[in-house]
Amino acid sequence: MTRYFASAPSSLAALVALAASGPAFAGEFEVNPDAGNNTFSAVFDAKLGERINAVSSAVGCQITYDERAGTASGTCSVPLETIRVDNDDTKSDHFRQWATNKKSDATACLLEAMFAGVRVGKLEPGAPASFAAQIPFKVCGRSRAGGAPEKVTGTALLFPPGTYGERKTIRIRATVAGFDRDAYRVGPKYTDGWLARVQSLATVVAETGTIDLSLFAKAK
């Protein structure tokens, strides 16, 4: 009995050391909206009208990656005020009016995505992991009409510490095809003062487009 209790502290110390040296199964990551390399691009290409490109380099995310389950959960957002349309002040202002319907403060408006349990599998350096998920979006607090999520596809690639900065980094590239702005009530027909121009803009500005995201999520 004495021998057992004498060896217990060393056994406990070994277990603590093993737990400390073992892999972390859940990691917290962040996409810094001020880094300048976390980008959003939305292209709306009308067959008989304009090809409009809305861009921002201020995407921010909070992500939890569960290594054991191979899943990611979190939120991402783009402030409306940071989105530039065709690098033109007037078009950018018009887009802000369409997004807010001139009923809310543009500085408080976000394009948001909220996701949980997105399966990406085990991330390995140099091996992009593909993913596909149904993810709900909001524009200025408004969900898609009917509440349906958007289909998001993409890849996630792991950079160990020292290969892309000092912290572990996950590069994320994602695409949302067929994003319907009208389903989020973004457009002239929902905006005060634009009703007279709805008909003339119908063929000029496409209702559906493609969103592309290029993000670098760094371990906290």
C-alpha atoms as a PDB file:
ATOM      1  CA  MET A   1       0.000   0.000   0.000  1.00  0.00           C
ATOM      2  CA  THR A   2       2.865   2.371   0.880  1.00  0.00           C
ATOM      3  CA  ARG A   3       4.540   1.586  -2.448  1.00  0.00           C
ATOM      4  CA  TYR A   4       1.272   2.412  -4.288  1.00  0.00           C
ATOM      5  CA  PHE A   5       0.865   5.835  -2.677  1.00  0.00           C
ATOM      6  CA  ALA A   6       4.534   6.618  -3.156  1.00  0.00           C
ATOM      7  CA  SER A   7       4.223   6.027  -6.893  1.00  0.00           C
ATOM      8  CA  ALA A   8       0.895   7.870  -7.284  1.00  0.00           C
ATOM      9  CA  PRO A   9       2.340  11.413  -7.485  1.00  0.00           C
ATOM     10  CA  SER A  10       4.770  10.399 -10.227  1.00  0.00           C
ATOM     11  CA  SER A  11       1.964   8.671 -12.142  1.00  0.00           C
ATOM     12  CA  LEU A  12      -0.231  11.767 -11.833  1.00  0.00           C
ATOM     13  CA  ALA A  13       2.626  13.958 -13.010  1.00  0.00           C
ATOM     14  CA  ALA A  14       3.076  11.726 -16.042  1.00  0.00           C
ATOM     15  CA  LEU A  15      -0.615  12.044 -16.935  1.00  0.00           C
ATOM     16  CA  VAL A  16      -0.495  15.828 -16.593  1.00  0.00           C
ATOM     17  CA  ALA A  17       2.608  15.983 -18.787  1.00  0.00           C
ATOM     18  CA  LEU A  18       0.954  13.765 -21.394  1.00  0.00           C
ATOM     19  CA  ALA A  19      -2.170  15.938 -21.440  1.00  0.00           C
ATOM     20  CA  ALA A  20      -0.079  19.083 -21.788  1.00  0.00           C
ATOM     21  CA  SER A  21       1.962  17.689 -24.673  1.00  0.00           C
ATOM     22  CA  GLY A  22      -0.992  16.135 -26.514  1.00  0.00           C
ATOM     23  CA  PRO A  23      -2.762  17.802 -29.466  1.00  0.00           C
ATOM     24  CA  ALA A  24      -5.344  20.501 -28.879  1.00  0.00           C
ATOM     25  CA  PHE A  25      -8.625  19.279 -30.346  1.00  0.00           C
ATOM     26  CA  ALA A  26     -10.300  22.692 -30.606  1.00  0.00           C
ATOM     27  CA  GLY A  27      -8.506  25.785 -31.843  1.00  0.00           C
ATOM     28  CA  GLU A  28      -9.697  29.372 -31.926  1.00  0.00           C
ATOM     29  CA  PHE A  29      -8.884  31.360 -35.060  1.00  0.00           C
ATOM     30  CA  GLU A  30      -9.577  34.906 -36.193  1.00  0.00           C
ATOM     31  CA  VAL A  31      -9.674  36.672 -39.548  1.00  0.00           C
ATOM     32  CA  ASN A  32      -8.435  40.218 -38.977  1.00  0.00           C
ATOM     33  CA  PRO A  33     -10.519  42.805 -40.889  1.00  0.00           C
ATOM     34  CA  ASP A  34      -7.636  45.294 -40.628  1.00  0.00           C
ATOM     35  CA  ALA A  35      -4.980  43.015 -42.151  1.00  0.00           C
ATOM     36  CA  GLY A  36      -5.805  44.109 -45.706  1.00  0.00           C
ATOM     37  CA  ASN A  37      -5.537  40.628 -47.235  1.00  0.00           C
ATOM     38  CA  ASN A  38      -8.927  39.206 -46.252  1.00  0.00           C
ATOM     39  CA  THR A  39     -11.038  39.943 -49.283  1.00  0.00           C
ATOM     40  CA  PHE A  40     -14.637  39.835 -50.462  1.00  0.00           C
ATOM     41  CA  SER A  41     -15.591  40.105 -54.126  1.00  0.00           C
ATOM     42  CA  ALA A  42     -19.121  39.978 -55.559  1.00  0.00           C
ATOM     43  CA  VAL A  43     -19.687  40.045 -59.318  1.00  0.00           C
ATOM     44  CA  PHE A  44     -23.133  40.709 -60.788  1.00  0.00           C
ATOM     45  CA  ASP A  45     -22.993  40.332 -64.573  1.00  0.00           C
ATOM     46  CA  ALA A  46     -26.158  41.316 -66.469  1.00  0.00           C
ATOM     47  CA  LYS A  47     -26.486  39.704 -69.916  1.00  0.00           C
ATOM     48  CA  LEU A  48     -27.823  42.918 -71.446  1.00  0.00           C
ATOM     49  CA  GLY A  49     -26.343  45.383 -68.976  1.00  0.00           C
ATOM     50  CA  GLU A  50     -23.387  46.059 -66.737  1.00  0.00           C
ATOM     51  CA  ARG A  51     -20.831  43.838 -65.074  1.00  0.00           C
ATOM     52  CA  ILE A  52     -20.679  45.152 -61.517  1.00  0.00           C
ATOM     53  CA  ASN A  53     -17.874  44.237 -59.108  1.00  0.00           C
ATOM     54  CA  ALA A  54     -18.288  44.955 -55.384  1.00  0.00           C
ATOM     55  CA  VAL A  55     -15.136  44.475 -53.287  1.00  0.00           C
ATOM     56  CA  SER A  56     -13.877  44.833 -49.733  1.00  0.00           C
ATOM     57  CA  SER A  57     -10.656  43.915 -47.954  1.00  0.00           C
ATOM     58  CA  ALA A  58     -12.177  44.181 -44.470  1.00  0.00           C
ATOM     59  CA  VAL A  59     -13.630  40.709 -43.855  1.00  0.00           C
ATOM     60  CA  GLY A  60     -13.585  39.662 -40.198  1.00  0.00           C
ATOM     61  CA  CYS A  61     -14.248  36.184 -38.757  1.00  0.00           C
ATOM     62  CA  GLN A  62     -14.205  34.284 -35.487  1.00  0.00           C
ATOM     63  CA  ILE A  63     -13.729  30.550 -36.136  1.00  0.00           C
ATOM     64  CA  THR A  64     -13.459  27.460 -33.956  1.00  0.00           C
ATOM     65  CA  TYR A  65     -11.817  24.467 -35.630  1.00  0.00           C
ATOM     66  CA  ASP A  66     -12.445  21.115 -33.942  1.00  0.00           C
ATOM     67  CA  GLU A  67      -9.487  18.995 -34.974  1.00  0.00           C
ATOM     68  CA  ARG A  68     -10.960  15.770 -33.595  1.00  0.00           C
ATOM     69  CA  ALA A  69     -14.267  16.166 -35.451  1.00  0.00           C
ATOM     70  CA  GLY A  70     -12.762  17.930 -38.462  1.00  0.00           C
ATOM     71  CA  THR A  71     -15.396  20.675 -38.313  1.00  0.00           C
ATOM     72  CA  ALA A  72     -15.451  24.465 -38.250  1.00  0.00           C
ATOM     73  CA  SER A  73     -17.978  26.813 -36.643  1.00  0.00           C
ATOM     74  CA  GLY A  74     -18.155  30.572 -36.335  1.00  0.00           C
ATOM     75  CA  THR A  75     -19.157  33.861 -37.918  1.00  0.00           C
ATOM     76  CA  CYS A  76     -17.850  36.097 -40.689  1.00  0.00           C
ATOM     77  CA  SER A  77     -18.916  39.593 -41.652  1.00  0.00           C
ATOM     78  CA  VAL A  78     -18.178  42.447 -44.045  1.00  0.00           C
ATOM     79  CA  PRO A  79     -19.127  46.022 -43.059  1.00  0.00           C
ATOM     80  CA  LEU A  80     -21.252  47.610 -45.779  1.00  0.00           C
ATOM     81  CA  GLU A  81     -19.276  50.846 -45.507  1.00  0.00           C
ATOM     82  CA  THR A  82     -16.090  49.069 -46.648  1.00  0.00           C
ATOM     83  CA  ILE A  83     -17.603  47.723 -49.891  1.00  0.00           C
ATOM     84  CA  ARG A  84     -16.608  49.587 -53.057  1.00  0.00           C
ATOM     85  CA  VAL A  85     -18.597  49.113 -56.268  1.00  0.00           C
ATOM     86  CA  ASP A  86     -16.549  49.419 -59.458  1.00  0.00           C
ATOM     87  CA  ASN A  87     -14.217  51.683 -57.429  1.00  0.00           C
ATOM     88  CA  ASP A  88     -16.779  54.452 -57.949  1.00  0.00           C
ATOM     89  CA  ASP A  89     -18.098  56.725 -55.188  1.00  0.00           C
ATOM     90  CA  THR A  90     -21.553  57.177 -56.721  1.00  0.00           C
ATOM     91  CA  LYS A  91     -22.113  53.460 -57.388  1.00  0.00           C
ATOM     92  CA  SER A  92     -20.867  52.615 -53.899  1.00  0.00           C
ATOM     93  CA  ASP A  93     -23.299  55.089 -52.369  1.00  0.00           C
ATOM     94  CA  HIS A  94     -26.162  53.717 -54.469  1.00  0.00           C
ATOM     95  CA  PHE A  95     -25.330  50.191 -53.303  1.00  0.00           C
ATOM     96  CA  ARG A  96     -25.434  51.337 -49.673  1.00  0.00           C
ATOM     97  CA  GLN A  97     -28.860  52.848 -50.284  1.00  0.00           C
ATOM     98  CA  TRP A  98     -30.099  49.624 -51.890  1.00  0.00           C
ATOM     99  CA  ALA A  99     -28.714  47.484 -49.058  1.00  0.00           C
ATOM    100  CA  THR A 100     -30.201  49.585 -46.249  1.00  0.00           C
ATOM    101  CA  ASN A 101     -33.368  50.482 -48.216  1.00  0.00           C
ATOM    102  CA  LYS A 102     -32.586  53.956 -46.795  1.00  0.00           C
ATOM    103  CA  LYS A 103     -34.214  52.762 -43.584  1.00  0.00           C
ATOM    104  CA  SER A 104     -31.149  52.072 -41.442  1.00  0.00           C
ATOM    105  CA  ASP A 105     -27.663  53.412 -40.782  1.00  0.00           C
ATOM    106  CA  ALA A 106     -25.184  52.174 -43.400  1.00  0.00           C
ATOM    107  CA  THR A 107     -22.354  52.273 -40.833  1.00  0.00           C
ATOM    108  CA  ALA A 108     -24.186  49.647 -38.749  1.00  0.00           C
ATOM    109  CA  CYS A 109     -24.976  47.332 -41.682  1.00  0.00           C
ATOM    110  CA  LEU A 110     -23.140  44.032 -42.156  1.00  0.00           C
ATOM    111  CA  LEU A 111     -23.145  41.222 -44.669  1.00  0.00           C
ATOM    112  CA  GLU A 112     -22.972  38.271 -42.272  1.00  0.00           C
ATOM    113  CA  ALA A 113     -22.567  34.492 -42.423  1.00  0.00           C
ATOM    114  CA  MET A 114     -23.091  32.171 -39.439  1.00  0.00           C
ATOM    115  CA  PHE A 115     -21.981  28.541 -39.667  1.00  0.00           C
ATOM    116  CA  ALA A 116     -21.763  25.509 -37.404  1.00  0.00           C
ATOM    117  CA  GLY A 117     -20.277  22.049 -37.862  1.00  0.00           C
ATOM    118  CA  VAL A 118     -18.963  22.631 -41.391  1.00  0.00           C
ATOM    119  CA  ARG A 119     -17.013  19.491 -42.219  1.00  0.00           C
ATOM    120  CA  VAL A 120     -13.522  20.194 -43.563  1.00  0.00           C
ATOM    121  CA  GLY A 121     -11.772  17.050 -42.310  1.00  0.00           C
ATOM    122  CA  LYS A 122      -8.265  16.905 -40.894  1.00  0.00           C
ATOM    123  CA  LEU A 123      -6.128  19.776 -42.160  1.00  0.00           C
ATOM    124  CA  GLU A 124      -2.637  18.913 -43.355  1.00  0.00           C
ATOM    125  CA  PRO A 125       0.112  21.310 -44.523  1.00  0.00           C
ATOM    126  CA  GLY A 126       0.294  21.532 -48.315  1.00  0.00           C
ATOM    127  CA  ALA A 127      -2.973  19.639 -48.875  1.00  0.00           C
ATOM    128  CA  PRO A 128      -6.053  21.834 -49.478  1.00  0.00           C
ATOM    129  CA  ALA A 129      -9.182  20.273 -47.958  1.00  0.00           C
ATOM    130  CA  SER A 130     -12.415  20.789 -49.885  1.00  0.00           C
ATOM    131  CA  PHE A 131     -15.692  21.639 -48.180  1.00  0.00           C
ATOM    132  CA  ALA A 132     -19.304  22.303 -49.101  1.00  0.00           C
ATOM    133  CA  ALA A 133     -21.956  23.591 -46.730  1.00  0.00           C
ATOM    134  CA  GLN A 134     -25.361  25.222 -46.482  1.00  0.00           C
ATOM    135  CA  ILE A 135     -24.779  28.483 -44.606  1.00  0.00           C
ATOM    136  CA  PRO A 136     -27.320  31.176 -43.667  1.00  0.00           C
ATOM    137  CA  PHE A 137     -26.510  34.785 -44.565  1.00  0.00           C
ATOM    138  CA  LYS A 138     -27.922  38.138 -43.501  1.00  0.00           C
ATOM    139  CA  VAL A 139     -27.761  41.565 -45.133  1.00  0.00           C
ATOM    140  CA  CYS A 140     -28.357  44.472 -42.736  1.00  0.00           C
ATOM    141  CA  GLY A 141     -30.023  41.995 -40.389  1.00  0.00           C
ATOM    142  CA  ARG A 142     -32.316  40.564 -43.084  1.00  0.00           C
ATOM    143  CA  SER A 143     -32.262  36.833 -43.822  1.00  0.00           C
ATOM    144  CA  ARG A 144     -32.937  35.410 -47.259  1.00  0.00           C
ATOM    145  CA  ALA A 145     -36.637  35.325 -48.177  1.00  0.00           C
ATOM    146  CA  GLY A 146     -38.014  32.009 -46.946  1.00  0.00           C
ATOM    147  CA  GLY A 147     -35.014  31.520 -44.658  1.00  0.00           C
ATOM    148  CA  ALA A 148     -33.065  29.275 -47.050  1.00  0.00           C
ATOM    149  CA  PRO A 149     -29.259  29.107 -46.615  1.00  0.00           C
ATOM    150  CA  GLU A 150     -26.666  29.656 -49.343  1.00  0.00           C
ATOM    151  CA  LYS A 151     -24.535  26.852 -50.785  1.00  0.00           C
ATOM    152  CA  VAL A 152     -20.886  27.614 -50.041  1.00  0.00           C
ATOM    153  CA  THR A 153     -17.998  25.638 -51.543  1.00  0.00           C
ATOM    154  CA  GLY A 154     -14.277  26.064 -51.098  1.00  0.00           C
ATOM    155  CA  THR A 155     -10.976  24.855 -49.688  1.00  0.00           C
ATOM    156  CA  ALA A 156      -9.043  25.197 -46.437  1.00  0.00           C
ATOM    157  CA  LEU A 157      -5.258  24.932 -46.307  1.00  0.00           C
ATOM    158  CA  LEU A 158      -3.142  24.711 -43.146  1.00  0.00           C
ATOM    159  CA  PHE A 159       0.112  26.679 -42.719  1.00  0.00           C
ATOM    160  CA  PRO A 160       2.091  25.563 -39.631  1.00  0.00           C
ATOM    161  CA  PRO A 161       3.702  28.237 -37.437  1.00  0.00           C
ATOM    162  CA  GLY A 162       6.654  29.829 -39.212  1.00  0.00           C
ATOM    163  CA  THR A 163       5.436  29.181 -42.766  1.00  0.00           C
ATOM    164  CA  TYR A 164       2.968  32.086 -42.988  1.00  0.00           C
ATOM    165  CA  GLY A 165       3.816  34.217 -40.002  1.00  0.00           C
ATOM    166  CA  GLU A 166       4.488  33.167 -36.446  1.00  0.00           C
ATOM    167  CA  ARG A 167       1.038  31.715 -35.752  1.00  0.00           C
ATOM    168  CA  LYS A 168      -0.712  28.685 -37.191  1.00  0.00           C
ATOM    169  CA  THR A 169      -2.774  29.909 -40.164  1.00  0.00           C
ATOM    170  CA  ILE A 170      -5.631  28.469 -42.214  1.00  0.00           C
ATOM    171  CA  ARG A 171      -6.112  29.900 -45.692  1.00  0.00           C
ATOM    172  CA  ILE A 172      -9.771  29.751 -46.705  1.00  0.00           C
ATOM    173  CA  ARG A 173     -11.090  30.230 -50.210  1.00  0.00           C
ATOM    174  CA  ALA A 174     -14.867  30.112 -50.574  1.00  0.00           C
ATOM    175  CA  THR A 175     -17.443  30.740 -53.282  1.00  0.00           C
ATOM    176  CA  VAL A 176     -21.164  31.465 -53.099  1.00  0.00           C
ATOM    177  CA  ALA A 177     -22.617  30.949 -56.576  1.00  0.00           C
ATOM    178  CA  GLY A 178     -26.068  32.247 -57.499  1.00  0.00           C
ATOM    179  CA  PHE A 179     -26.309  34.763 -54.656  1.00  0.00           C
ATOM    180  CA  ASP A 180     -29.672  36.462 -55.165  1.00  0.00           C
ATOM    181  CA  ARG A 181     -29.599  40.033 -53.840  1.00  0.00           C
ATOM    182  CA  ASP A 182     -33.339  40.400 -54.472  1.00  0.00           C
ATOM    183  CA  ALA A 183     -33.993  37.584 -51.976  1.00  0.00           C
ATOM    184  CA  TYR A 184     -32.415  39.850 -49.331  1.00  0.00           C
ATOM    185  CA  ARG A 185     -34.408  42.900 -50.470  1.00  0.00           C
ATOM    186  CA  VAL A 186     -31.299  44.600 -51.840  1.00  0.00           C
ATOM    187  CA  GLY A 187     -32.267  46.755 -54.802  1.00  0.00           C
ATOM    188  CA  PRO A 188     -34.028  49.860 -56.099  1.00  0.00           C
ATOM    189  CA  LYS A 189     -37.566  48.510 -55.777  1.00  0.00           C
ATOM    190  CA  TYR A 190     -37.148  48.262 -52.001  1.00  0.00           C
ATOM    191  CA  THR A 191     -35.535  51.689 -51.619  1.00  0.00           C
ATOM    192  CA  ASP A 192     -37.275  55.024 -51.091  1.00  0.00           C
ATOM    193  CA  GLY A 193     -36.773  57.414 -54.007  1.00  0.00           C
ATOM    194  CA  TRP A 194     -35.814  54.711 -56.515  1.00  0.00           C
ATOM    195  CA  LEU A 195     -39.243  53.452 -57.572  1.00  0.00           C
ATOM    196  CA  ALA A 196     -39.320  55.528 -60.782  1.00  0.00           C
ATOM    197  CA  ARG A 197     -36.053  53.932 -61.957  1.00  0.00           C
ATOM    198  CA  VAL A 198     -36.868  50.301 -61.228  1.00  0.00           C
ATOM    199  CA  GLN A 199     -38.053  49.517 -64.755  1.00  0.00           C
ATOM    200  CA  SER A 200     -35.068  51.144 -66.459  1.00  0.00           C
ATOM    201  CA  LEU A 201     -32.621  49.295 -64.199  1.00  0.00           C
ATOM    202  CA  ALA A 202     -34.262  45.877 -64.603  1.00  0.00           C
ATOM    203  CA  THR A 203     -31.970  44.735 -67.432  1.00  0.00           C
ATOM    204  CA  VAL A 204     -28.957  46.851 -66.461  1.00  0.00           C
ATOM    205  CA  VAL A 205     -28.168  45.373 -63.048  1.00  0.00           C
ATOM    206  CA  ALA A 206     -28.242  41.596 -62.495  1.00  0.00           C
ATOM    207  CA  GLU A 207     -30.139  40.218 -59.507  1.00  0.00           C
ATOM    208  CA  THR A 208     -27.890  37.174 -59.053  1.00  0.00           C
ATOM    209  CA  GLY A 209     -24.121  37.061 -58.786  1.00  0.00           C
ATOM    210  CA  THR A 210     -21.127  35.187 -57.426  1.00  0.00           C
ATOM    211  CA  ILE A 211     -19.357  35.957 -54.157  1.00  0.00           C
ATOM    212  CA  ASP A 212     -15.715  34.940 -53.634  1.00  0.00           C
ATOM    213  CA  LEU A 213     -13.852  35.089 -50.338  1.00  0.00           C
ATOM    214  CA  SER A 214     -10.120  34.785 -49.738  1.00  0.00           C
ATOM    215  CA  LEU A 215      -9.300  34.676 -46.027  1.00  0.00           C
ATOM    216  CA  PHE A 216      -6.387  33.982 -43.693  1.00  0.00           C
ATOM    217  CA  ALA A 217      -7.494  32.760 -40.270  1.00  0.00           C
ATOM    218  CA  LYS A 218      -4.763  32.936 -37.646  1.00  0.00           C
ATOM    219  CA  ALA A 219      -4.637  31.068 -34.354  1.00  0.00           C
ATOM    220  CA  LYS A 220      -5.378  33.233 -31.323  1.00  0.00           C
END
